Amino acid sequence: MAEQTIFDKIVAKEIPAEILYEDEQVLAFRDINPQAPEHVLVIPKKKLVRFTDLAAAPVADVGHLFAGAAKAAQKLGLAENGYRIVVNCGKHGQQTVDYLHVHILGGRQMRWPPG
């Protein structure tokens, strides 16, 4: 099993987070180092380390993760103007926490290419 991360501690309510959306399977909370006016992270409560782990996950769980991200974006009021969903995977993808997480970035015009 991978070592415990800050996200494990947030799910366990061992450390505080500004939670925007939560249900039985996912948790959405504000990023402590925002890269846009609205920057929220969405994580599955059942830990997966990387995006590639979704290949072996039940399809319903994968769908629930992305549905949770859409619900969090709606709560933020981002649906009308749009937003970006980002998932970093591994060292070359700039994944900094070994816990699968979806970034919701919005509140400003995004640029392309992202980097």
PDB file of N, CA and C in Angstrom:
ATOM      1  N   MET A   1       0.841  -1.183   0.000  1.00  0.00           N
ATOM      2  CA  MET A   1       0.000   0.000   0.000  1.00  0.00           C
ATOM      3  C   MET A   1       0.884   1.243   0.000  1.00  0.00           C
ATOM      4  N   ALA A   2       0.465   2.253  -0.726  1.00  0.00           N
ATOM      5  CA  ALA A   2       1.200   3.508  -0.794  1.00  0.00           C
ATOM      6  C   ALA A   2       1.165   4.205   0.567  1.00  0.00           C
ATOM      7  N   GLU A   3       2.173   5.043   0.795  1.00  0.00           N
ATOM      8  CA  GLU A   3       2.218   5.740   2.075  1.00  0.00           C
ATOM      9  C   GLU A   3       1.065   6.736   2.205  1.00  0.00           C
ATOM     10  N   GLN A   4       0.776   7.097   3.444  1.00  0.00           N
ATOM     11  CA  GLN A   4      -0.335   8.015   3.708  1.00  0.00           C
ATOM     12  C   GLN A   4       0.013   9.421   3.213  1.00  0.00           C
ATOM     13  N   THR A   5      -0.949  10.041   2.560  1.00  0.00           N
ATOM     14  CA  THR A   5      -0.766  11.379   2.006  1.00  0.00           C
ATOM     15  C   THR A   5      -1.651  12.380   2.729  1.00  0.00           C
ATOM     16  N   ILE A   6      -1.474  13.633   2.387  1.00  0.00           N
ATOM     17  CA  ILE A   6      -2.332  14.677   2.935  1.00  0.00           C
ATOM     18  C   ILE A   6      -3.797  14.423   2.578  1.00  0.00           C
ATOM     19  N   PHE A   7      -4.055  13.841   1.398  1.00  0.00           N
ATOM     20  CA  PHE A   7      -5.433  13.565   0.994  1.00  0.00           C
ATOM     21  C   PHE A   7      -6.044  12.446   1.826  1.00  0.00           C
ATOM     22  N   ASP A   8      -5.243  11.442   2.202  1.00  0.00           N
ATOM     23  CA  ASP A   8      -5.729  10.411   3.126  1.00  0.00           C
ATOM     24  C   ASP A   8      -6.184  11.056   4.430  1.00  0.00           C
ATOM     25  N   LYS A   9      -5.410  12.011   4.906  1.00  0.00           N
ATOM     26  CA  LYS A   9      -5.734  12.683   6.167  1.00  0.00           C
ATOM     27  C   LYS A   9      -6.965  13.564   6.038  1.00  0.00           C
ATOM     28  N   ILE A  10      -7.165  14.164   4.871  1.00  0.00           N
ATOM     29  CA  ILE A  10      -8.366  14.974   4.645  1.00  0.00           C
ATOM     30  C   ILE A  10      -9.598  14.075   4.622  1.00  0.00           C
ATOM     31  N   VAL A  11      -9.529  12.944   3.924  1.00  0.00           N
ATOM     32  CA  VAL A  11     -10.653  12.006   3.883  1.00  0.00           C
ATOM     33  C   VAL A  11     -10.988  11.517   5.285  1.00  0.00           C
ATOM     34  N   ALA A  12      -9.966  11.243   6.098  1.00  0.00           N
ATOM     35  CA  ALA A  12     -10.156  10.753   7.472  1.00  0.00           C
ATOM     36  C   ALA A  12     -10.552  11.869   8.435  1.00  0.00           C
ATOM     37  N   LYS A  13     -10.615  13.111   7.935  1.00  0.00           N
ATOM     38  CA  LYS A  13     -10.957  14.295   8.750  1.00  0.00           C
ATOM     39  C   LYS A  13      -9.934  14.532   9.862  1.00  0.00           C
ATOM     40  N   GLU A  14      -8.681  14.107   9.601  1.00  0.00           N
ATOM     41  CA  GLU A  14      -7.599  14.338  10.544  1.00  0.00           C
ATOM     42  C   GLU A  14      -7.035  15.745  10.403  1.00  0.00           C
ATOM     43  N   ILE A  15      -7.163  16.319   9.220  1.00  0.00           N
ATOM     44  CA  ILE A  15      -6.768  17.709   9.008  1.00  0.00           C
ATOM     45  C   ILE A  15      -7.911  18.409   8.272  1.00  0.00           C
ATOM     46  N   PRO A  16      -8.064  19.705   8.515  1.00  0.00           N
ATOM     47  CA  PRO A  16      -9.194  20.415   7.918  1.00  0.00           C
ATOM     48  C   PRO A  16      -8.979  20.723   6.440  1.00  0.00           C
ATOM     49  N   ALA A  17     -10.092  20.873   5.746  1.00  0.00           N
ATOM     50  CA  ALA A  17     -10.097  21.308   4.361  1.00  0.00           C
ATOM     51  C   ALA A  17     -11.402  22.059   4.144  1.00  0.00           C
ATOM     52  N   GLU A  18     -11.398  22.989   3.196  1.00  0.00           N
ATOM     53  CA  GLU A  18     -12.620  23.709   2.861  1.00  0.00           C
ATOM     54  C   GLU A  18     -13.391  22.854   1.857  1.00  0.00           C
ATOM     55  N   ILE A  19     -14.302  22.064   2.373  1.00  0.00           N
ATOM     56  CA  ILE A  19     -15.041  21.098   1.565  1.00  0.00           C
ATOM     57  C   ILE A  19     -16.184  21.798   0.838  1.00  0.00           C
ATOM     58  N   LEU A  20     -16.254  21.562  -0.476  1.00  0.00           N
ATOM     59  CA  LEU A  20     -17.306  22.136  -1.307  1.00  0.00           C
ATOM     60  C   LEU A  20     -18.397  21.130  -1.632  1.00  0.00           C
ATOM     61  N   TYR A  21     -18.017  19.873  -1.760  1.00  0.00           N
ATOM     62  CA  TYR A  21     -18.977  18.822  -2.100  1.00  0.00           C
ATOM     63  C   TYR A  21     -18.480  17.522  -1.490  1.00  0.00           C
ATOM     64  N   GLU A  22     -19.429  16.736  -0.977  1.00  0.00           N
ATOM     65  CA  GLU A  22     -19.076  15.431  -0.435  1.00  0.00           C
ATOM     66  C   GLU A  22     -20.276  14.515  -0.560  1.00  0.00           C
ATOM     67  N   ASP A  23     -20.011  13.275  -0.938  1.00  0.00           N
ATOM     68  CA  ASP A  23     -21.020  12.233  -0.880  1.00  0.00           C
ATOM     69  C   ASP A  23     -20.330  10.972  -0.375  1.00  0.00           C
ATOM     70  N   GLU A  24     -20.970   9.834  -0.525  1.00  0.00           N
ATOM     71  CA  GLU A  24     -20.417   8.605   0.039  1.00  0.00           C
ATOM     72  C   GLU A  24     -19.142   8.133  -0.650  1.00  0.00           C
ATOM     73  N   GLN A  25     -18.878   8.607  -1.889  1.00  0.00           N
ATOM     74  CA  GLN A  25     -17.718   8.115  -2.639  1.00  0.00           C
ATOM     75  C   GLN A  25     -16.657   9.150  -2.958  1.00  0.00           C
ATOM     76  N   VAL A  26     -17.004  10.430  -2.976  1.00  0.00           N
ATOM     77  CA  VAL A  26     -16.034  11.454  -3.367  1.00  0.00           C
ATOM     78  C   VAL A  26     -16.053  12.636  -2.406  1.00  0.00           C
ATOM     79  N   LEU A  27     -14.956  13.381  -2.455  1.00  0.00           N
ATOM     80  CA  LEU A  27     -14.790  14.582  -1.639  1.00  0.00           C
ATOM     81  C   LEU A  27     -14.161  15.657  -2.517  1.00  0.00           C
ATOM     82  N   ALA A  28     -14.746  16.854  -2.499  1.00  0.00           N
ATOM     83  CA  ALA A  28     -14.220  17.985  -3.271  1.00  0.00           C
ATOM     84  C   ALA A  28     -13.892  19.115  -2.306  1.00  0.00           C
ATOM     85  N   PHE A  29     -12.680  19.659  -2.426  1.00  0.00           N
ATOM     86  CA  PHE A  29     -12.238  20.702  -1.506  1.00  0.00           C
ATOM     87  C   PHE A  29     -11.308  21.672  -2.230  1.00  0.00           C
ATOM     88  N   ARG A  30     -11.203  22.869  -1.681  1.00  0.00           N
ATOM     89  CA  ARG A  30     -10.368  23.899  -2.289  1.00  0.00           C
ATOM     90  C   ARG A  30      -8.885  23.538  -2.186  1.00  0.00           C
ATOM     91  N   ASP A  31      -8.151  23.828  -3.264  1.00  0.00           N
ATOM     92  CA  ASP A  31      -6.710  23.621  -3.292  1.00  0.00           C
ATOM     93  C   ASP A  31      -6.046  24.694  -2.426  1.00  0.00           C
ATOM     94  N   ILE A  32      -5.042  24.322  -1.647  1.00  0.00           N
ATOM     95  CA  ILE A  32      -4.365  25.297  -0.787  1.00  0.00           C
ATOM     96  C   ILE A  32      -3.365  26.162  -1.555  1.00  0.00           C
ATOM     97  N   ASN A  33      -3.084  25.798  -2.802  1.00  0.00           N
ATOM     98  CA  ASN A  33      -2.182  26.565  -3.655  1.00  0.00           C
ATOM     99  C   ASN A  33      -2.884  26.802  -4.997  1.00  0.00           C
ATOM    100  N   PRO A  34      -3.928  27.642  -5.008  1.00  0.00           N
ATOM    101  CA  PRO A  34      -4.747  27.779  -6.219  1.00  0.00           C
ATOM    102  C   PRO A  34      -3.994  28.342  -7.414  1.00  0.00           C
ATOM    103  N   GLN A  35      -4.300  27.758  -8.580  1.00  0.00           N
ATOM    104  CA  GLN A  35      -3.698  28.180  -9.840  1.00  0.00           C
ATOM    105  C   GLN A  35      -4.695  28.935 -10.714  1.00  0.00           C
ATOM    106  N   ALA A  36      -5.882  29.183 -10.191  1.00  0.00           N
ATOM    107  CA  ALA A  36      -6.936  29.939 -10.868  1.00  0.00           C
ATOM    108  C   ALA A  36      -7.831  30.502  -9.773  1.00  0.00           C
ATOM    109  N   PRO A  37      -8.685  31.483 -10.103  1.00  0.00           N
ATOM    110  CA  PRO A  37      -9.583  32.028  -9.074  1.00  0.00           C
ATOM    111  C   PRO A  37     -10.418  30.942  -8.372  1.00  0.00           C
ATOM    112  N   GLU A  38     -10.825  29.935  -9.110  1.00  0.00           N
ATOM    113  CA  GLU A  38     -11.479  28.764  -8.515  1.00  0.00           C
ATOM    114  C   GLU A  38     -10.605  27.556  -8.813  1.00  0.00           C
ATOM    115  N   HIS A  39     -10.147  26.890  -7.763  1.00  0.00           N
ATOM    116  CA  HIS A  39      -9.308  25.697  -7.920  1.00  0.00           C
ATOM    117  C   HIS A  39      -9.712  24.710  -6.843  1.00  0.00           C
ATOM    118  N   VAL A  40     -10.363  23.652  -7.276  1.00  0.00           N
ATOM    119  CA  VAL A  40     -10.893  22.639  -6.365  1.00  0.00           C
ATOM    120  C   VAL A  40     -10.334  21.280  -6.768  1.00  0.00           C
ATOM    121  N   LEU A  41     -10.073  20.443  -5.782  1.00  0.00           N
ATOM    122  CA  LEU A  41      -9.620  19.078  -6.012  1.00  0.00           C
ATOM    123  C   LEU A  41     -10.759  18.126  -5.673  1.00  0.00           C
ATOM    124  N   VAL A  42     -10.933  17.106  -6.497  1.00  0.00           N
ATOM    125  CA  VAL A  42     -11.948  16.082  -6.265  1.00  0.00           C
ATOM    126  C   VAL A  42     -11.229  14.753  -6.174  1.00  0.00           C
ATOM    127  N   ILE A  43     -11.475  14.027  -5.080  1.00  0.00           N
ATOM    128  CA  ILE A  43     -10.796  12.756  -4.860  1.00  0.00           C
ATOM    129  C   ILE A  43     -11.807  11.663  -4.544  1.00  0.00           C
ATOM    130  N   PRO A  44     -11.482  10.421  -4.925  1.00  0.00           N
ATOM    131  CA  PRO A  44     -12.331   9.309  -4.483  1.00  0.00           C
ATOM    132  C   PRO A  44     -12.004   8.999  -3.022  1.00  0.00           C
ATOM    133  N   LYS A  45     -13.003   8.653  -2.250  1.00  0.00           N
ATOM    134  CA  LYS A  45     -12.746   8.295  -0.858  1.00  0.00           C
ATOM    135  C   LYS A  45     -12.039   6.937  -0.764  1.00  0.00           C
ATOM    136  N   LYS A  46     -12.286   6.075  -1.731  1.00  0.00           N
ATOM    137  CA  LYS A  46     -11.560   4.810  -1.811  1.00  0.00           C
ATOM    138  C   LYS A  46     -10.297   5.093  -2.616  1.00  0.00           C
ATOM    139  N   LYS A  47      -9.169   5.076  -1.955  1.00  0.00           N
ATOM    140  CA  LYS A  47      -7.916   5.555  -2.538  1.00  0.00           C
ATOM    141  C   LYS A  47      -7.477   4.798  -3.786  1.00  0.00           C
ATOM    142  N   LEU A  48      -7.120   5.580  -4.778  1.00  0.00           N
ATOM    143  CA  LEU A  48      -6.387   5.132  -5.950  1.00  0.00           C
ATOM    144  C   LEU A  48      -5.172   6.052  -6.034  1.00  0.00           C
ATOM    145  N   VAL A  49      -4.040   5.542  -6.457  1.00  0.00           N
ATOM    146  CA  VAL A  49      -2.822   6.344  -6.455  1.00  0.00           C
ATOM    147  C   VAL A  49      -2.693   7.184  -7.714  1.00  0.00           C
ATOM    148  N   ARG A  50      -2.971   6.585  -8.869  1.00  0.00           N
ATOM    149  CA  ARG A  50      -2.765   7.266 -10.151  1.00  0.00           C
ATOM    150  C   ARG A  50      -3.979   7.113 -11.050  1.00  0.00           C
ATOM    151  N   PHE A  51      -4.017   7.963 -12.057  1.00  0.00           N
ATOM    152  CA  PHE A  51      -5.062   7.881 -13.073  1.00  0.00           C
ATOM    153  C   PHE A  51      -5.091   6.500 -13.714  1.00  0.00           C
ATOM    154  N   THR A  52      -3.918   5.908 -13.932  1.00  0.00           N
ATOM    155  CA  THR A  52      -3.863   4.592 -14.566  1.00  0.00           C
ATOM    156  C   THR A  52      -4.560   3.516 -13.732  1.00  0.00           C
ATOM    157  N   ASP A  53      -4.711   3.731 -12.424  1.00  0.00           N
ATOM    158  CA  ASP A  53      -5.421   2.780 -11.564  1.00  0.00           C
ATOM    159  C   ASP A  53      -6.906   2.688 -11.920  1.00  0.00           C
ATOM    160  N   LEU A  54      -7.428   3.700 -12.624  1.00  0.00           N
ATOM    161  CA  LEU A  54      -8.836   3.670 -13.022  1.00  0.00           C
ATOM    162  C   LEU A  54      -9.137   2.539 -13.995  1.00  0.00           C
ATOM    163  N   ALA A  55      -8.121   2.051 -14.691  1.00  0.00           N
ATOM    164  CA  ALA A  55      -8.326   0.954 -15.653  1.00  0.00           C
ATOM    165  C   ALA A  55      -8.868  -0.297 -14.970  1.00  0.00           C
ATOM    166  N   ALA A  56      -8.506  -0.511 -13.710  1.00  0.00           N
ATOM    167  CA  ALA A  56      -8.953  -1.696 -12.976  1.00  0.00           C
ATOM    168  C   ALA A  56     -10.115  -1.385 -12.026  1.00  0.00           C
ATOM    169  N   ALA A  57     -10.529  -0.136 -11.946  1.00  0.00           N
ATOM    170  CA  ALA A  57     -11.608   0.259 -11.043  1.00  0.00           C
ATOM    171  C   ALA A  57     -12.964  -0.038 -11.672  1.00  0.00           C
ATOM    172  N   PRO A  58     -13.979  -0.278 -10.857  1.00  0.00           N
ATOM    173  CA  PRO A  58     -15.322  -0.448 -11.407  1.00  0.00           C
ATOM    174  C   PRO A  58     -15.745   0.800 -12.189  1.00  0.00           C
ATOM    175  N   VAL A  59     -16.353   0.582 -13.337  1.00  0.00           N
ATOM    176  CA  VAL A  59     -16.762   1.692 -14.195  1.00  0.00           C
ATOM    177  C   VAL A  59     -17.673   2.662 -13.443  1.00  0.00           C
ATOM    178  N   ALA A  60     -18.535   2.150 -12.591  1.00  0.00           N
ATOM    179  CA  ALA A  60     -19.430   3.016 -11.818  1.00  0.00           C
ATOM    180  C   ALA A  60     -18.638   3.968 -10.920  1.00  0.00           C
ATOM    181  N   ASP A  61     -17.523   3.500 -10.359  1.00  0.00           N
ATOM    182  CA  ASP A  61     -16.693   4.361  -9.502  1.00  0.00           C
ATOM    183  C   ASP A  61     -16.026   5.468 -10.317  1.00  0.00           C
ATOM    184  N   VAL A  62     -15.585   5.118 -11.518  1.00  0.00           N
ATOM    185  CA  VAL A  62     -14.960   6.106 -12.404  1.00  0.00           C
ATOM    186  C   VAL A  62     -15.987   7.182 -12.752  1.00  0.00           C
ATOM    187  N   GLY A  63     -17.172   6.750 -13.122  1.00  0.00           N
ATOM    188  CA  GLY A  63     -18.234   7.688 -13.456  1.00  0.00           C
ATOM    189  C   GLY A  63     -18.615   8.565 -12.282  1.00  0.00           C
ATOM    190  N   HIS A  64     -18.649   7.985 -11.096  1.00  0.00           N
ATOM    191  CA  HIS A  64     -19.013   8.753  -9.901  1.00  0.00           C
ATOM    192  C   HIS A  64     -17.984   9.837  -9.597  1.00  0.00           C
ATOM    193  N   LEU A  65     -16.710   9.530  -9.804  1.00  0.00           N
ATOM    194  CA  LEU A  65     -15.659  10.524  -9.587  1.00  0.00           C
ATOM    195  C   LEU A  65     -15.883  11.736 -10.495  1.00  0.00           C
ATOM    196  N   PHE A  66     -16.134  11.480 -11.776  1.00  0.00           N
ATOM    197  CA  PHE A  66     -16.313  12.590 -12.708  1.00  0.00           C
ATOM    198  C   PHE A  66     -17.665  13.283 -12.518  1.00  0.00           C
ATOM    199  N   ALA A  67     -18.691  12.541 -12.104  1.00  0.00           N
ATOM    200  CA  ALA A  67     -19.968  13.178 -11.783  1.00  0.00           C
ATOM    201  C   ALA A  67     -19.802  14.087 -10.561  1.00  0.00           C
ATOM    202  N   GLY A  68     -18.998  13.663  -9.597  1.00  0.00           N
ATOM    203  CA  GLY A  68     -18.720  14.500  -8.426  1.00  0.00           C
ATOM    204  C   GLY A  68     -18.000  15.776  -8.811  1.00  0.00           C
ATOM    205  N   ALA A  69     -17.086  15.672  -9.766  1.00  0.00           N
ATOM    206  CA  ALA A  69     -16.386  16.860 -10.252  1.00  0.00           C
ATOM    207  C   ALA A  69     -17.371  17.813 -10.926  1.00  0.00           C
ATOM    208  N   ALA A  70     -18.287  17.276 -11.717  1.00  0.00           N
ATOM    209  CA  ALA A  70     -19.283  18.121 -12.383  1.00  0.00           C
ATOM    210  C   ALA A  70     -20.190  18.803 -11.364  1.00  0.00           C
ATOM    211  N   LYS A  71     -20.579  18.085 -10.313  1.00  0.00           N
ATOM    212  CA  LYS A  71     -21.426  18.674  -9.265  1.00  0.00           C
ATOM    213  C   LYS A  71     -20.682  19.777  -8.529  1.00  0.00           C
ATOM    214  N   ALA A  72     -19.411  19.562  -8.234  1.00  0.00           N
ATOM    215  CA  ALA A  72     -18.613  20.596  -7.560  1.00  0.00           C
ATOM    216  C   ALA A  72     -18.490  21.831  -8.445  1.00  0.00           C
ATOM    217  N   ALA A  73     -18.262  21.643  -9.740  1.00  0.00           N
ATOM    218  CA  ALA A  73     -18.155  22.771 -10.674  1.00  0.00           C
ATOM    219  C   ALA A  73     -19.462  23.544 -10.739  1.00  0.00           C
ATOM    220  N   GLN A  74     -20.588  22.837 -10.707  1.00  0.00           N
ATOM    221  CA  GLN A  74     -21.888  23.510 -10.686  1.00  0.00           C
ATOM    222  C   GLN A  74     -22.043  24.331  -9.414  1.00  0.00           C
ATOM    223  N   LYS A  75     -21.648  23.762  -8.271  1.00  0.00           N
ATOM    224  CA  LYS A  75     -21.734  24.502  -6.999  1.00  0.00           C
ATOM    225  C   LYS A  75     -20.899  25.774  -7.037  1.00  0.00           C
ATOM    226  N   LEU A  76     -19.800  25.734  -7.765  1.00  0.00           N
ATOM    227  CA  LEU A  76     -18.925  26.906  -7.894  1.00  0.00           C
ATOM    228  C   LEU A  76     -19.478  27.931  -8.874  1.00  0.00           C
ATOM    229  N   GLY A  77     -20.523  27.570  -9.612  1.00  0.00           N
ATOM    230  CA  GLY A  77     -21.099  28.474 -10.601  1.00  0.00           C
ATOM    231  C   GLY A  77     -20.279  28.577 -11.870  1.00  0.00           C
ATOM    232  N   LEU A  78     -19.532  27.530 -12.204  1.00  0.00           N
ATOM    233  CA  LEU A  78     -18.636  27.560 -13.353  1.00  0.00           C
ATOM    234  C   LEU A  78     -19.267  27.036 -14.641  1.00  0.00           C
ATOM    235  N   ALA A  79     -20.421  26.423 -14.552  1.00  0.00           N
ATOM    236  CA  ALA A  79     -21.005  25.743 -15.709  1.00  0.00           C
ATOM    237  C   ALA A  79     -21.265  26.686 -16.884  1.00  0.00           C
ATOM    238  N   GLU A  80     -21.729  27.888 -16.625  1.00  0.00           N
ATOM    239  CA  GLU A  80     -22.093  28.789 -17.724  1.00  0.00           C
ATOM    240  C   GLU A  80     -20.896  29.207 -18.571  1.00  0.00           C
ATOM    241  N   ASN A  81     -19.818  29.648 -17.947  1.00  0.00           N
ATOM    242  CA  ASN A  81     -18.652  30.127 -18.690  1.00  0.00           C
ATOM    243  C   ASN A  81     -17.625  29.046 -18.985  1.00  0.00           C
ATOM    244  N   GLY A  82     -17.689  27.944 -18.279  1.00  0.00           N
ATOM    245  CA  GLY A  82     -16.771  26.840 -18.517  1.00  0.00           C
ATOM    246  C   GLY A  82     -15.623  26.785 -17.528  1.00  0.00           C
ATOM    247  N   TYR A  83     -14.887  25.714 -17.611  1.00  0.00           N
ATOM    248  CA  TYR A  83     -13.791  25.442 -16.681  1.00  0.00           C
ATOM    249  C   TYR A  83     -12.928  24.352 -17.277  1.00  0.00           C
ATOM    250  N   ARG A  84     -11.834  24.078 -16.633  1.00  0.00           N
ATOM    251  CA  ARG A  84     -10.922  23.024 -17.086  1.00  0.00           C
ATOM    252  C   ARG A  84     -10.862  21.930 -16.024  1.00  0.00           C
ATOM    253  N   ILE A  85     -10.832  20.686 -16.495  1.00  0.00           N
ATOM    254  CA  ILE A  85     -10.615  19.514 -15.646  1.00  0.00           C
ATOM    255  C   ILE A  85      -9.228  18.986 -15.995  1.00  0.00           C
ATOM    256  N   VAL A  86      -8.395  18.776 -14.979  1.00  0.00           N
ATOM    257  CA  VAL A  86      -7.031  18.299 -15.197  1.00  0.00           C
ATOM    258  C   VAL A  86      -6.775  17.127 -14.258  1.00  0.00           C
ATOM    259  N   VAL A  87      -6.151  16.086 -14.803  1.00  0.00           N
ATOM    260  CA  VAL A  87      -5.684  14.968 -13.990  1.00  0.00           C
ATOM    261  C   VAL A  87      -4.212  14.758 -14.336  1.00  0.00           C
ATOM    262  N   ASN A  88      -3.344  14.946 -13.375  1.00  0.00           N
ATOM    263  CA  ASN A  88      -1.913  14.715 -13.568  1.00  0.00           C
ATOM    264  C   ASN A  88      -1.613  13.269 -13.193  1.00  0.00           C
ATOM    265  N   CYS A  89      -0.723  12.636 -13.941  1.00  0.00           N
ATOM    266  CA  CYS A  89      -0.416  11.229 -13.683  1.00  0.00           C
ATOM    267  C   CYS A  89       1.097  11.008 -13.705  1.00  0.00           C
ATOM    268  N   GLY A  90       1.637  10.649 -12.566  1.00  0.00           N
ATOM    269  CA  GLY A  90       3.049  10.312 -12.464  1.00  0.00           C
ATOM    270  C   GLY A  90       3.987  11.498 -12.532  1.00  0.00           C
ATOM    271  N   LYS A  91       5.276  11.194 -12.431  1.00  0.00           N
ATOM    272  CA  LYS A  91       6.330  12.210 -12.372  1.00  0.00           C
ATOM    273  C   LYS A  91       6.301  13.134 -13.583  1.00  0.00           C
ATOM    274  N   HIS A  92       6.244  12.584 -14.778  1.00  0.00           N
ATOM    275  CA  HIS A  92       6.267  13.420 -15.974  1.00  0.00           C
ATOM    276  C   HIS A  92       4.975  14.212 -16.145  1.00  0.00           C
ATOM    277  N   GLY A  93       3.906  13.751 -15.533  1.00  0.00           N
ATOM    278  CA  GLY A  93       2.638  14.479 -15.578  1.00  0.00           C
ATOM    279  C   GLY A  93       2.492  15.495 -14.463  1.00  0.00           C
ATOM    280  N   GLN A  94       3.535  15.644 -13.650  1.00  0.00           N
ATOM    281  CA  GLN A  94       3.560  16.606 -12.536  1.00  0.00           C
ATOM    282  C   GLN A  94       2.600  16.253 -11.406  1.00  0.00           C
ATOM    283  N   GLN A  95       2.341  14.953 -11.197  1.00  0.00           N
ATOM    284  CA  GLN A  95       1.528  14.540 -10.055  1.00  0.00           C
ATOM    285  C   GLN A  95       2.382  14.697  -8.808  1.00  0.00           C
ATOM    286  N   THR A  96       1.935  15.522  -7.864  1.00  0.00           N
ATOM    287  CA  THR A  96       2.731  15.817  -6.672  1.00  0.00           C
ATOM    288  C   THR A  96       2.252  15.077  -5.425  1.00  0.00           C
ATOM    289  N   VAL A  97       1.046  14.524  -5.463  1.00  0.00           N
ATOM    290  CA  VAL A  97       0.521  13.747  -4.336  1.00  0.00           C
ATOM    291  C   VAL A  97       0.123  12.378  -4.874  1.00  0.00           C
ATOM    292  N   ASP A  98       0.607  11.325  -4.234  1.00  0.00           N
ATOM    293  CA  ASP A  98       0.308   9.961  -4.683  1.00  0.00           C
ATOM    294  C   ASP A  98      -1.085   9.529  -4.225  1.00  0.00           C
ATOM    295  N   TYR A  99      -2.061  10.222  -4.765  1.00  0.00           N
ATOM    296  CA  TYR A  99      -3.482   9.938  -4.518  1.00  0.00           C
ATOM    297  C   TYR A  99      -4.206  10.548  -5.709  1.00  0.00           C
ATOM    298  N   LEU A 100      -4.945   9.741  -6.447  1.00  0.00           N
ATOM    299  CA  LEU A 100      -5.650  10.238  -7.620  1.00  0.00           C
ATOM    300  C   LEU A 100      -6.502  11.447  -7.255  1.00  0.00           C
ATOM    301  N   HIS A 101      -6.359  12.519  -8.030  1.00  0.00           N
ATOM    302  CA  HIS A 101      -7.180  13.701  -7.809  1.00  0.00           C
ATOM    303  C   HIS A 101      -7.439  14.430  -9.114  1.00  0.00           C
ATOM    304  N   VAL A 102      -8.623  14.996  -9.197  1.00  0.00           N
ATOM    305  CA  VAL A 102      -9.062  15.758 -10.354  1.00  0.00           C
ATOM    306  C   VAL A 102      -9.046  17.225  -9.964  1.00  0.00           C
ATOM    307  N   HIS A 103      -8.392  18.050 -10.773  1.00  0.00           N
ATOM    308  CA  HIS A 103      -8.385  19.494 -10.549  1.00  0.00           C
ATOM    309  C   HIS A 103      -9.536  20.121 -11.335  1.00  0.00           C
ATOM    310  N   ILE A 104     -10.284  21.002 -10.701  1.00  0.00           N
ATOM    311  CA  ILE A 104     -11.246  21.857 -11.387  1.00  0.00           C
ATOM    312  C   ILE A 104     -10.651  23.256 -11.338  1.00  0.00           C
ATOM    313  N   LEU A 105     -10.404  23.848 -12.503  1.00  0.00           N
ATOM    314  CA  LEU A 105      -9.828  25.193 -12.601  1.00  0.00           C
ATOM    315  C   LEU A 105     -10.808  26.073 -13.357  1.00  0.00           C
ATOM    316  N   GLY A 106     -11.148  27.224 -12.782  1.00  0.00           N
ATOM    317  CA  GLY A 106     -12.094  28.110 -13.454  1.00  0.00           C
ATOM    318  C   GLY A 106     -12.054  29.507 -12.891  1.00  0.00           C
ATOM    319  N   GLY A 107     -12.990  30.300 -13.364  1.00  0.00           N
ATOM    320  CA  GLY A 107     -13.081  31.675 -12.909  1.00  0.00           C
ATOM    321  C   GLY A 107     -12.249  32.638 -13.735  1.00  0.00           C
ATOM    322  N   ARG A 108     -11.626  32.150 -14.794  1.00  0.00           N
ATOM    323  CA  ARG A 108     -10.865  32.980 -15.728  1.00  0.00           C
ATOM    324  C   ARG A 108     -10.749  32.245 -17.053  1.00  0.00           C
ATOM    325  N   GLN A 109     -10.344  32.956 -18.069  1.00  0.00           N
ATOM    326  CA  GLN A 109     -10.117  32.328 -19.380  1.00  0.00           C
ATOM    327  C   GLN A 109      -8.870  31.451 -19.311  1.00  0.00           C
ATOM    328  N   MET A 110      -9.000  30.208 -19.684  1.00  0.00           N
ATOM    329  CA  MET A 110      -7.861  29.306 -19.749  1.00  0.00           C
ATOM    330  C   MET A 110      -7.115  29.533 -21.060  1.00  0.00           C
ATOM    331  N   ARG A 111      -5.870  29.109 -21.090  1.00  0.00           N
ATOM    332  CA  ARG A 111      -5.031  29.248 -22.290  1.00  0.00           C
ATOM    333  C   ARG A 111      -4.679  27.865 -22.819  1.00  0.00           C
ATOM    334  N   TRP A 112      -4.300  27.820 -24.096  1.00  0.00           N
ATOM    335  CA  TRP A 112      -3.874  26.566 -24.713  1.00  0.00           C
ATOM    336  C   TRP A 112      -2.645  26.836 -25.548  1.00  0.00           C
ATOM    337  N   PRO A 113      -1.625  26.029 -25.520  1.00  0.00           N
ATOM    338  CA  PRO A 113      -1.546  24.790 -24.762  1.00  0.00           C
ATOM    339  C   PRO A 113      -1.260  25.052 -23.289  1.00  0.00           C
ATOM    340  N   PRO A 114      -1.632  24.082 -22.442  1.00  0.00           N
ATOM    341  CA  PRO A 114      -1.479  24.282 -21.005  1.00  0.00           C
ATOM    342  C   PRO A 114      -0.036  24.168 -20.524  1.00  0.00           C
ATOM    343  N   GLY A 115       0.855  23.524 -21.246  1.00  0.00           N
ATOM    344  CA  GLY A 115       2.230  23.423 -20.781  1.00  0.00           C
ATOM    345  C   GLY A 115       2.726  22.049 -20.905  1.00  0.00           C
TER     346      GLY A 115
END
